[in-house]
Amino acid sequence: MHEALTVGRIEKGVKCNVSGCGREAARSISVDKVKAVLNVSSKEKRAYICKEHYKEYKKKTKKDKTLDKWRYGHP
């Protein structure tokens, strides 16, 4: 049998882009969205963040997402 190919950067073991964090990344999000909430040091289009920082990102952006849903009428 053939081994599964590792395609994405997260599967290859890229580290979290948040300043001072060295954990392995779990998610990749647009740098523009993440920079507004977290201190990210990335010059690329995508920011790679670990599980803990992803939780923090979700908590801090929850209110904005709710307001957008109300504003544009999405369920």
C-alpha atoms as a PDB file:
ATOM      1  CA  MET A   1       0.000   0.000   0.000  1.00  0.00           C
ATOM      2  CA  HIS A   2       1.037   3.592  -0.601  1.00  0.00           C
ATOM      3  CA  GLU A   3       1.415   6.062   2.230  1.00  0.00           C
ATOM      4  CA  ALA A   4      -0.889   9.063   2.269  1.00  0.00           C
ATOM      5  CA  LEU A   5       0.671  12.189   0.798  1.00  0.00           C
ATOM      6  CA  THR A   6       0.897  15.262   2.990  1.00  0.00           C
ATOM      7  CA  VAL A   7      -0.439  18.058   0.843  1.00  0.00           C
ATOM      8  CA  GLY A   8      -1.109  21.126   2.987  1.00  0.00           C
ATOM      9  CA  ARG A   9       1.253  23.166   5.110  1.00  0.00           C
ATOM     10  CA  ILE A  10      -0.560  22.267   8.329  1.00  0.00           C
ATOM     11  CA  GLU A  11      -0.045  18.556   7.665  1.00  0.00           C
ATOM     12  CA  LYS A  12       3.632  19.291   7.037  1.00  0.00           C
ATOM     13  CA  GLY A  13       3.959  20.808  10.529  1.00  0.00           C
ATOM     14  CA  VAL A  14       3.987  24.594  10.047  1.00  0.00           C
ATOM     15  CA  LYS A  15       4.165  26.564  13.312  1.00  0.00           C
ATOM     16  CA  CYS A  16       1.711  29.116  14.707  1.00  0.00           C
ATOM     17  CA  ASN A  17       2.277  32.680  13.369  1.00  0.00           C
ATOM     18  CA  VAL A  18       1.181  34.425  16.580  1.00  0.00           C
ATOM     19  CA  SER A  19       4.112  36.287  18.161  1.00  0.00           C
ATOM     20  CA  GLY A  20       5.692  34.291  20.979  1.00  0.00           C
ATOM     21  CA  CYS A  21       3.925  31.010  20.139  1.00  0.00           C
ATOM     22  CA  GLY A  22       5.782  27.975  18.817  1.00  0.00           C
ATOM     23  CA  ARG A  23       3.022  25.362  18.768  1.00  0.00           C
ATOM     24  CA  GLU A  24       1.969  23.513  15.625  1.00  0.00           C
ATOM     25  CA  ALA A  25      -0.727  25.223  13.579  1.00  0.00           C
ATOM     26  CA  ALA A  26      -4.232  23.776  13.428  1.00  0.00           C
ATOM     27  CA  ARG A  27      -5.941  26.320  11.125  1.00  0.00           C
ATOM     28  CA  SER A  28      -5.125  28.818   8.432  1.00  0.00           C
ATOM     29  CA  ILE A  29      -7.081  32.069   8.210  1.00  0.00           C
ATOM     30  CA  SER A  30      -6.728  35.214   6.124  1.00  0.00           C
ATOM     31  CA  VAL A  31      -4.055  37.491   7.596  1.00  0.00           C
ATOM     32  CA  ASP A  32      -6.340  40.534   7.301  1.00  0.00           C
ATOM     33  CA  LYS A  33      -8.975  38.919   9.523  1.00  0.00           C
ATOM     34  CA  VAL A  34      -6.527  37.633  12.124  1.00  0.00           C
ATOM     35  CA  LYS A  35      -4.408  40.818  12.415  1.00  0.00           C
ATOM     36  CA  ALA A  36      -7.431  42.726  13.724  1.00  0.00           C
ATOM     37  CA  VAL A  37      -7.683  40.323  16.679  1.00  0.00           C
ATOM     38  CA  LEU A  38      -4.293  38.676  17.318  1.00  0.00           C
ATOM     39  CA  ASN A  39      -0.657  39.807  17.108  1.00  0.00           C
ATOM     40  CA  VAL A  40       0.356  37.880  13.988  1.00  0.00           C
ATOM     41  CA  SER A  41       3.778  38.063  12.370  1.00  0.00           C
ATOM     42  CA  SER A  42       3.177  36.881   8.798  1.00  0.00           C
ATOM     43  CA  LYS A  43       3.871  38.479   5.445  1.00  0.00           C
ATOM     44  CA  GLU A  44       1.855  35.864   3.557  1.00  0.00           C
ATOM     45  CA  LYS A  45      -1.831  35.902   2.628  1.00  0.00           C
ATOM     46  CA  ARG A  46      -2.660  33.182   5.154  1.00  0.00           C
ATOM     47  CA  ALA A  47      -1.925  33.141   8.875  1.00  0.00           C
ATOM     48  CA  TYR A  48      -1.400  29.776  10.513  1.00  0.00           C
ATOM     49  CA  ILE A  49      -2.650  29.581  14.088  1.00  0.00           C
ATOM     50  CA  CYS A  50      -2.681  26.844  16.746  1.00  0.00           C
ATOM     51  CA  LYS A  51      -5.776  25.417  18.398  1.00  0.00           C
ATOM     52  CA  GLU A  52      -5.554  27.696  21.455  1.00  0.00           C
ATOM     53  CA  HIS A  53      -5.214  30.882  19.399  1.00  0.00           C
ATOM     54  CA  TYR A  54      -8.030  29.746  17.099  1.00  0.00           C
ATOM     55  CA  LYS A  55     -10.313  29.513  20.158  1.00  0.00           C
ATOM     56  CA  GLU A  56      -9.252  33.011  21.186  1.00  0.00           C
ATOM     57  CA  TYR A  57      -9.876  34.279  17.622  1.00  0.00           C
ATOM     58  CA  LYS A  58     -13.375  32.760  17.583  1.00  0.00           C
ATOM     59  CA  LYS A  59     -14.280  34.294  20.968  1.00  0.00           C
ATOM     60  CA  LYS A  60     -13.120  37.754  19.947  1.00  0.00           C
ATOM     61  CA  THR A  61     -14.920  37.716  16.574  1.00  0.00           C
ATOM     62  CA  LYS A  62     -18.194  36.148  17.737  1.00  0.00           C
ATOM     63  CA  LYS A  63     -19.922  39.487  18.357  1.00  0.00           C
ATOM     64  CA  ASP A  64     -18.943  40.833  14.925  1.00  0.00           C
ATOM     65  CA  LYS A  65     -20.236  37.695  13.187  1.00  0.00           C
ATOM     66  CA  THR A  66     -23.553  37.943  15.040  1.00  0.00           C
ATOM     67  CA  LEU A  67     -23.963  41.601  14.060  1.00  0.00           C
ATOM     68  CA  ASP A  68     -23.219  40.781  10.411  1.00  0.00           C
ATOM     69  CA  LYS A  69     -25.839  38.028  10.451  1.00  0.00           C
ATOM     70  CA  TRP A  70     -28.433  40.458  11.806  1.00  0.00           C
ATOM     71  CA  ARG A  71     -27.420  43.167   9.375  1.00  0.00           C
ATOM     72  CA  TYR A  72     -27.561  41.014   6.249  1.00  0.00           C
ATOM     73  CA  GLY A  73     -30.340  38.659   7.325  1.00  0.00           C
ATOM     74  CA  HIS A  74     -28.452  35.371   7.122  1.00  0.00           C
ATOM     75  CA  PRO A  75     -29.792  32.572   9.312  1.00  0.00           C
END
